[in-house]
PDB file of N, CA and C in Angstrom:
ATOM      1  N   MET A   1      19.510 129.577 137.339  1.00  0.00           N
ATOM      2  CA  MET A   1      19.640 130.250 138.627  1.00  0.00           C
ATOM      3  C   MET A   1      19.471 129.272 139.780  1.00  0.00           C
ATOM      4  N   SER A   2      18.717 128.214 139.593  1.00  0.00           N
ATOM      5  CA  SER A   2      18.414 127.324 140.710  1.00  0.00           C
ATOM      6  C   SER A   2      19.629 126.557 141.219  1.00  0.00           C
ATOM      7  N   ASP A   3      20.638 126.355 140.382  1.00  0.00           N
ATOM      8  CA  ASP A   3      21.791 125.568 140.820  1.00  0.00           C
ATOM      9  C   ASP A   3      23.006 126.427 141.137  1.00  0.00           C
ATOM     10  N   ARG A   4      22.845 127.698 141.245  1.00  0.00           N
ATOM     11  CA  ARG A   4      23.978 128.588 141.461  1.00  0.00           C
ATOM     12  C   ARG A   4      23.605 129.787 142.303  1.00  0.00           C
ATOM     13  N   LYS A   5      24.499 130.217 143.131  1.00  0.00           N
ATOM     14  CA  LYS A   5      24.269 131.413 143.940  1.00  0.00           C
ATOM     15  C   LYS A   5      24.824 132.617 143.189  1.00  0.00           C
ATOM     16  N   THR A   6      24.104 133.053 142.195  1.00  0.00           N
ATOM     17  CA  THR A   6      24.546 134.182 141.386  1.00  0.00           C
ATOM     18  C   THR A   6      23.474 135.249 141.351  1.00  0.00           C
ATOM     19  N   SER A   7      23.855 136.344 140.829  1.00  0.00           N
ATOM     20  CA  SER A   7      22.960 137.483 140.769  1.00  0.00           C
ATOM     21  C   SER A   7      21.955 137.352 139.628  1.00  0.00           C
ATOM     22  N   GLN A   8      20.716 137.497 139.940  1.00  0.00           N
ATOM     23  CA  GLN A   8      19.665 137.479 138.923  1.00  0.00           C
ATOM     24  C   GLN A   8      19.890 138.608 137.925  1.00  0.00           C
ATOM     25  N   ASP A   9      20.406 139.739 138.409  1.00  0.00           N
ATOM     26  CA  ASP A   9      20.654 140.877 137.525  1.00  0.00           C
ATOM     27  C   ASP A   9      21.666 140.527 136.434  1.00  0.00           C
ATOM     28  N   ILE A  10      22.744 139.833 136.803  1.00  0.00           N
ATOM     29  CA  ILE A  10      23.758 139.460 135.820  1.00  0.00           C
ATOM     30  C   ILE A  10      23.170 138.497 134.798  1.00  0.00           C
ATOM     31  N   LEU A  11      22.425 137.523 135.265  1.00  0.00           N
ATOM     32  CA  LEU A  11      21.793 136.576 134.347  1.00  0.00           C
ATOM     33  C   LEU A  11      20.835 137.303 133.406  1.00  0.00           C
ATOM     34  N   ASP A  12      20.053 138.218 133.940  1.00  0.00           N
ATOM     35  CA  ASP A  12      19.126 138.987 133.105  1.00  0.00           C
ATOM     36  C   ASP A  12      19.878 139.777 132.037  1.00  0.00           C
ATOM     37  N   GLU A  13      21.021 140.361 132.400  1.00  0.00           N
ATOM     38  CA  GLU A  13      21.807 141.132 131.442  1.00  0.00           C
ATOM     39  C   GLU A  13      22.373 140.232 130.344  1.00  0.00           C
ATOM     40  N   ILE A  14      22.803 139.035 130.709  1.00  0.00           N
ATOM     41  CA  ILE A  14      23.329 138.098 129.714  1.00  0.00           C
ATOM     42  C   ILE A  14      22.228 137.686 128.747  1.00  0.00           C
ATOM     43  N   VAL A  15      21.068 137.376 129.268  1.00  0.00           N
ATOM     44  CA  VAL A  15      19.939 136.981 128.406  1.00  0.00           C
ATOM     45  C   VAL A  15      19.535 138.148 127.509  1.00  0.00           C
ATOM     46  N   GLU A  16      19.512 139.354 128.053  1.00  0.00           N
ATOM     47  CA  GLU A  16      19.170 140.535 127.259  1.00  0.00           C
ATOM     48  C   GLU A  16      20.175 140.721 126.117  1.00  0.00           C
ATOM     49  N   LEU A  17      21.448 140.543 126.406  1.00  0.00           N
ATOM     50  CA  LEU A  17      22.481 140.646 125.379  1.00  0.00           C
ATOM     51  C   LEU A  17      22.268 139.587 124.300  1.00  0.00           C
ATOM     52  N   MET A  18      21.967 138.358 124.719  1.00  0.00           N
ATOM     53  CA  MET A  18      21.733 137.286 123.756  1.00  0.00           C
ATOM     54  C   MET A  18      20.553 137.611 122.848  1.00  0.00           C
ATOM     55  N   VAL A  19      19.501 138.134 123.413  1.00  0.00           N
ATOM     56  CA  VAL A  19      18.316 138.510 122.624  1.00  0.00           C
ATOM     57  C   VAL A  19      18.676 139.631 121.659  1.00  0.00           C
ATOM     58  N   ASP A  20      19.426 140.641 122.145  1.00  0.00           N
ATOM     59  CA  ASP A  20      19.844 141.750 121.276  1.00  0.00           C
ATOM     60  C   ASP A  20      20.635 141.241 120.078  1.00  0.00           C
ATOM     61  N   VAL A  21      21.573 140.332 120.325  1.00  0.00           N
ATOM     62  CA  VAL A  21      22.409 139.815 119.237  1.00  0.00           C
ATOM     63  C   VAL A  21      21.573 138.995 118.258  1.00  0.00           C
ATOM     64  N   VAL A  22      20.767 138.097 118.776  1.00  0.00           N
ATOM     65  CA  VAL A  22      19.987 137.208 117.904  1.00  0.00           C
ATOM     66  C   VAL A  22      18.938 137.983 117.106  1.00  0.00           C
ATOM     67  N   CYS A  23      18.429 139.054 117.660  1.00  0.00           N
ATOM     68  CA  CYS A  23      17.390 139.834 116.972  1.00  0.00           C
ATOM     69  C   CYS A  23      17.954 140.995 116.151  1.00  0.00           C
ATOM     70  N   SER A  24      19.256 141.159 116.161  1.00  0.00           N
ATOM     71  CA  SER A  24      19.880 142.278 115.454  1.00  0.00           C
ATOM     72  C   SER A  24      19.606 142.204 113.955  1.00  0.00           C
ATOM     73  N   THR A  25      19.413 143.366 113.355  1.00  0.00           N
ATOM     74  CA  THR A  25      19.229 143.440 111.906  1.00  0.00           C
ATOM     75  C   THR A  25      20.503 143.933 111.207  1.00  0.00           C
ATOM     76  N   ALA A  26      21.563 144.137 111.991  1.00  0.00           N
ATOM     77  CA  ALA A  26      22.833 144.592 111.423  1.00  0.00           C
ATOM     78  C   ALA A  26      23.450 143.491 110.562  1.00  0.00           C
ATOM     79  N   MET A  27      24.272 143.886 109.619  1.00  0.00           N
ATOM     80  CA  MET A  27      24.957 142.909 108.774  1.00  0.00           C
ATOM     81  C   MET A  27      26.192 142.354 109.478  1.00  0.00           C
ATOM     82  N   TYR A  28      26.783 143.168 110.368  1.00  0.00           N
ATOM     83  CA  TYR A  28      27.988 142.771 111.090  1.00  0.00           C
ATOM     84  C   TYR A  28      27.834 143.088 112.563  1.00  0.00           C
ATOM     85  N   ILE A  29      28.480 142.290 113.401  1.00  0.00           N
ATOM     86  CA  ILE A  29      28.507 142.512 114.847  1.00  0.00           C
ATOM     87  C   ILE A  29      29.964 142.504 115.270  1.00  0.00           C
ATOM     88  N   ARG A  30      30.364 143.512 116.034  1.00  0.00           N
ATOM     89  CA  ARG A  30      31.758 143.631 116.470  1.00  0.00           C
ATOM     90  C   ARG A  30      32.017 142.664 117.618  1.00  0.00           C
ATOM     91  N   VAL A  31      33.018 141.804 117.417  1.00  0.00           N
ATOM     92  CA  VAL A  31      33.437 140.834 118.424  1.00  0.00           C
ATOM     93  C   VAL A  31      34.953 140.916 118.530  1.00  0.00           C
ATOM     94  N   ALA A  32      35.455 141.269 119.711  1.00  0.00           N
ATOM     95  CA  ALA A  32      36.905 141.361 119.934  1.00  0.00           C
ATOM     96  C   ALA A  32      37.583 142.228 118.877  1.00  0.00           C
ATOM     97  N   LYS A  33      37.063 143.423 118.668  1.00  0.00           N
ATOM     98  CA  LYS A  33      37.602 144.410 117.721  1.00  0.00           C
ATOM     99  C   LYS A  33      37.537 143.961 116.265  1.00  0.00           C
ATOM    100  N   ASP A  34      36.756 142.954 115.979  1.00  0.00           N
ATOM    101  CA  ASP A  34      36.590 142.436 114.630  1.00  0.00           C
ATOM    102  C   ASP A  34      35.121 142.495 114.244  1.00  0.00           C
ATOM    103  N   ASP A  35      34.833 142.917 113.040  1.00  0.00           N
ATOM    104  CA  ASP A  35      33.456 142.871 112.552  1.00  0.00           C
ATOM    105  C   ASP A  35      33.199 141.488 111.969  1.00  0.00           C
ATOM    106  N   LYS A  36      32.274 140.775 112.577  1.00  0.00           N
ATOM    107  CA  LYS A  36      31.929 139.420 112.139  1.00  0.00           C
ATOM    108  C   LYS A  36      30.553 139.447 111.481  1.00  0.00           C
ATOM    109  N   SER A  37      30.328 138.530 110.584  1.00  0.00           N
ATOM    110  CA  SER A  37      29.016 138.408 109.964  1.00  0.00           C
ATOM    111  C   SER A  37      27.970 138.184 111.055  1.00  0.00           C
ATOM    112  N   ALA A  38      26.918 138.958 111.015  1.00  0.00           N
ATOM    113  CA  ALA A  38      25.865 138.831 112.030  1.00  0.00           C
ATOM    114  C   ALA A  38      25.272 137.431 112.025  1.00  0.00           C
ATOM    115  N   GLU A  39      25.138 136.840 110.851  1.00  0.00           N
ATOM    116  CA  GLU A  39      24.559 135.497 110.777  1.00  0.00           C
ATOM    117  C   GLU A  39      25.432 134.462 111.483  1.00  0.00           C
ATOM    118  N   VAL A  40      26.741 134.604 111.375  1.00  0.00           N
ATOM    119  CA  VAL A  40      27.656 133.680 112.055  1.00  0.00           C
ATOM    120  C   VAL A  40      27.551 133.858 113.567  1.00  0.00           C
ATOM    121  N   VAL A  41      27.544 135.108 114.020  1.00  0.00           N
ATOM    122  CA  VAL A  41      27.458 135.387 115.459  1.00  0.00           C
ATOM    123  C   VAL A  41      26.118 134.893 116.010  1.00  0.00           C
ATOM    124  N   LYS A  42      25.043 135.149 115.292  1.00  0.00           N
ATOM    125  CA  LYS A  42      23.715 134.685 115.720  1.00  0.00           C
ATOM    126  C   LYS A  42      23.693 133.161 115.833  1.00  0.00           C
ATOM    127  N   SER A  43      24.266 132.500 114.850  1.00  0.00           N
ATOM    128  CA  SER A  43      24.310 131.039 114.855  1.00  0.00           C
ATOM    129  C   SER A  43      25.050 130.525 116.088  1.00  0.00           C
ATOM    130  N   GLN A  44      26.156 131.155 116.417  1.00  0.00           N
ATOM    131  CA  GLN A  44      26.923 130.754 117.600  1.00  0.00           C
ATOM    132  C   GLN A  44      26.135 131.014 118.884  1.00  0.00           C
ATOM    133  N   PHE A  45      25.457 132.143 118.960  1.00  0.00           N
ATOM    134  CA  PHE A  45      24.673 132.457 120.155  1.00  0.00           C
ATOM    135  C   PHE A  45      23.521 131.475 120.336  1.00  0.00           C
ATOM    136  N   LEU A  46      22.919 131.049 119.234  1.00  0.00           N
ATOM    137  CA  LEU A  46      21.796 130.118 119.331  1.00  0.00           C
ATOM    138  C   LEU A  46      22.225 128.723 119.795  1.00  0.00           C
ATOM    139  N   LYS A  47      23.498 128.430 119.736  1.00  0.00           N
ATOM    140  CA  LYS A  47      24.022 127.141 120.195  1.00  0.00           C
ATOM    141  C   LYS A  47      24.358 127.142 121.684  1.00  0.00           C
ATOM    142  N   LEU A  48      24.334 128.308 122.328  1.00  0.00           N
ATOM    143  CA  LEU A  48      24.685 128.403 123.747  1.00  0.00           C
ATOM    144  C   LEU A  48      23.631 127.718 124.612  1.00  0.00           C
ATOM    145  N   ASP A  49      24.098 127.110 125.706  1.00  0.00           N
ATOM    146  CA  ASP A  49      23.176 126.481 126.646  1.00  0.00           C
ATOM    147  C   ASP A  49      23.519 126.916 128.076  1.00  0.00           C
ATOM    148  N   GLY A  50      22.854 126.333 129.039  1.00  0.00           N
ATOM    149  CA  GLY A  50      23.051 126.704 130.437  1.00  0.00           C
ATOM    150  C   GLY A  50      24.487 126.543 130.905  1.00  0.00           C
ATOM    151  N   GLY A  51      25.172 125.523 130.401  1.00  0.00           N
ATOM    152  CA  GLY A  51      26.570 125.307 130.772  1.00  0.00           C
ATOM    153  C   GLY A  51      27.458 126.454 130.337  1.00  0.00           C
ATOM    154  N   HIS A  52      27.215 126.967 129.145  1.00  0.00           N
ATOM    155  CA  HIS A  52      27.987 128.101 128.657  1.00  0.00           C
ATOM    156  C   HIS A  52      27.739 129.338 129.523  1.00  0.00           C
ATOM    157  N   ILE A  53      26.482 129.557 129.856  1.00  0.00           N
ATOM    158  CA  ILE A  53      26.141 130.736 130.660  1.00  0.00           C
ATOM    159  C   ILE A  53      26.736 130.614 132.059  1.00  0.00           C
ATOM    160  N   ARG A  54      26.696 129.425 132.649  1.00  0.00           N
ATOM    161  CA  ARG A  54      27.328 129.220 133.964  1.00  0.00           C
ATOM    162  C   ARG A  54      28.820 129.492 133.895  1.00  0.00           C
ATOM    163  N   PHE A  55      29.462 129.058 132.814  1.00  0.00           N
ATOM    164  CA  PHE A  55      30.891 129.288 132.643  1.00  0.00           C
ATOM    165  C   PHE A  55      31.189 130.781 132.593  1.00  0.00           C
ATOM    166  N   VAL A  56      30.426 131.526 131.797  1.00  0.00           N
ATOM    167  CA  VAL A  56      30.627 132.969 131.671  1.00  0.00           C
ATOM    168  C   VAL A  56      30.417 133.656 133.017  1.00  0.00           C
ATOM    169  N   MET A  57      29.372 133.268 133.726  1.00  0.00           N
ATOM    170  CA  MET A  57      29.107 133.889 135.029  1.00  0.00           C
ATOM    171  C   MET A  57      30.227 133.573 136.017  1.00  0.00           C
ATOM    172  N   GLY A  58      30.754 132.359 135.977  1.00  0.00           N
ATOM    173  CA  GLY A  58      31.873 131.997 136.842  1.00  0.00           C
ATOM    174  C   GLY A  58      33.109 132.817 136.524  1.00  0.00           C
ATOM    175  N   CYS A  59      33.387 133.000 135.245  1.00  0.00           N
ATOM    176  CA  CYS A  59      34.536 133.812 134.834  1.00  0.00           C
ATOM    177  C   CYS A  59      34.369 135.262 135.285  1.00  0.00           C
ATOM    178  N   MET A  60      33.158 135.775 135.169  1.00  0.00           N
ATOM    179  CA  MET A  60      32.910 137.152 135.592  1.00  0.00           C
ATOM    180  C   MET A  60      33.102 137.312 137.101  1.00  0.00           C
ATOM    181  N   GLU A  61      32.705 136.305 137.868  1.00  0.00           N
ATOM    182  CA  GLU A  61      32.871 136.368 139.316  1.00  0.00           C
ATOM    183  C   GLU A  61      34.347 136.360 139.705  1.00  0.00           C
ATOM    184  N   LYS A  62      35.180 135.660 138.938  1.00  0.00           N
ATOM    185  CA  LYS A  62      36.607 135.544 139.243  1.00  0.00           C
ATOM    186  C   LYS A  62      37.439 136.689 138.674  1.00  0.00           C
ATOM    187  N   ASN A  63      36.884 137.457 137.755  1.00  0.00           N
ATOM    188  CA  ASN A  63      37.623 138.527 137.098  1.00  0.00           C
ATOM    189  C   ASN A  63      38.019 139.606 138.101  1.00  0.00           C
ATOM    190  N   THR A  64      39.278 140.035 138.044  1.00  0.00           N
ATOM    191  CA  THR A  64      39.754 141.078 138.964  1.00  0.00           C
ATOM    192  C   THR A  64      40.117 142.366 138.235  1.00  0.00           C
ATOM    193  N   THR A  65      40.074 142.364 136.906  1.00  0.00           N
ATOM    194  CA  THR A  65      40.416 143.569 136.158  1.00  0.00           C
ATOM    195  C   THR A  65      39.166 144.399 135.886  1.00  0.00           C
ATOM    196  N   LYS A  66      39.383 145.690 135.682  1.00  0.00           N
ATOM    197  CA  LYS A  66      38.275 146.593 135.407  1.00  0.00           C
ATOM    198  C   LYS A  66      37.792 146.387 133.973  1.00  0.00           C
ATOM    199  N   ILE A  67      36.506 146.206 133.819  1.00  0.00           N
ATOM    200  CA  ILE A  67      35.902 146.018 132.498  1.00  0.00           C
ATOM    201  C   ILE A  67      35.310 147.349 132.070  1.00  0.00           C
ATOM    202  N   ARG A  68      35.805 147.881 130.947  1.00  0.00           N
ATOM    203  CA  ARG A  68      35.321 149.185 130.495  1.00  0.00           C
ATOM    204  C   ARG A  68      34.037 149.087 129.690  1.00  0.00           C
ATOM    205  N   ASN A  69      33.873 148.024 128.932  1.00  0.00           N
ATOM    206  CA  ASN A  69      32.677 147.865 128.111  1.00  0.00           C
ATOM    207  C   ASN A  69      32.092 146.478 128.384  1.00  0.00           C
ATOM    208  N   MET A  70      31.157 146.416 129.309  1.00  0.00           N
ATOM    209  CA  MET A  70      30.601 145.134 129.747  1.00  0.00           C
ATOM    210  C   MET A  70      29.942 144.381 128.590  1.00  0.00           C
ATOM    211  N   ARG A  71      29.262 145.089 127.710  1.00  0.00           N
ATOM    212  CA  ARG A  71      28.597 144.424 126.582  1.00  0.00           C
ATOM    213  C   ARG A  71      29.614 143.714 125.696  1.00  0.00           C
ATOM    214  N   GLN A  72      30.696 144.403 125.335  1.00  0.00           N
ATOM    215  CA  GLN A  72      31.725 143.796 124.501  1.00  0.00           C
ATOM    216  C   GLN A  72      32.390 142.629 125.224  1.00  0.00           C
ATOM    217  N   TYR A  73      32.620 142.792 126.517  1.00  0.00           N
ATOM    218  CA  TYR A  73      33.246 141.729 127.310  1.00  0.00           C
ATOM    219  C   TYR A  73      32.399 140.455 127.265  1.00  0.00           C
ATOM    220  N   ARG A  74      31.113 140.612 127.378  1.00  0.00           N
ATOM    221  CA  ARG A  74      30.222 139.449 127.389  1.00  0.00           C
ATOM    222  C   ARG A  74      30.064 138.815 126.020  1.00  0.00           C
ATOM    223  N   ILE A  75      30.190 139.602 124.963  1.00  0.00           N
ATOM    224  CA  ILE A  75      30.066 139.045 123.613  1.00  0.00           C
ATOM    225  C   ILE A  75      31.270 138.151 123.300  1.00  0.00           C
ATOM    226  N   LEU A  76      32.412 138.483 123.855  1.00  0.00           N
ATOM    227  CA  LEU A  76      33.605 137.669 123.587  1.00  0.00           C
ATOM    228  C   LEU A  76      33.336 136.247 123.964  1.00  0.00           C
TER     229      LEU A  76
END
């Protein structure tokens, strides 16, 4: 947050989503209409860093289309 003028709420939601995914006990997690192994998705989420989160937040700021399912959009 210190290097960007972004909403704390959006960052909090992204972190909450990351925690939900990493702590999930499900065998599969739906990503882009596909059921993926939860272990694979968790592994990918654990590799994310600040640069990835800044990229996602930048993309969200530039998006002009209506997002119907914000959680699914962010998991992509």
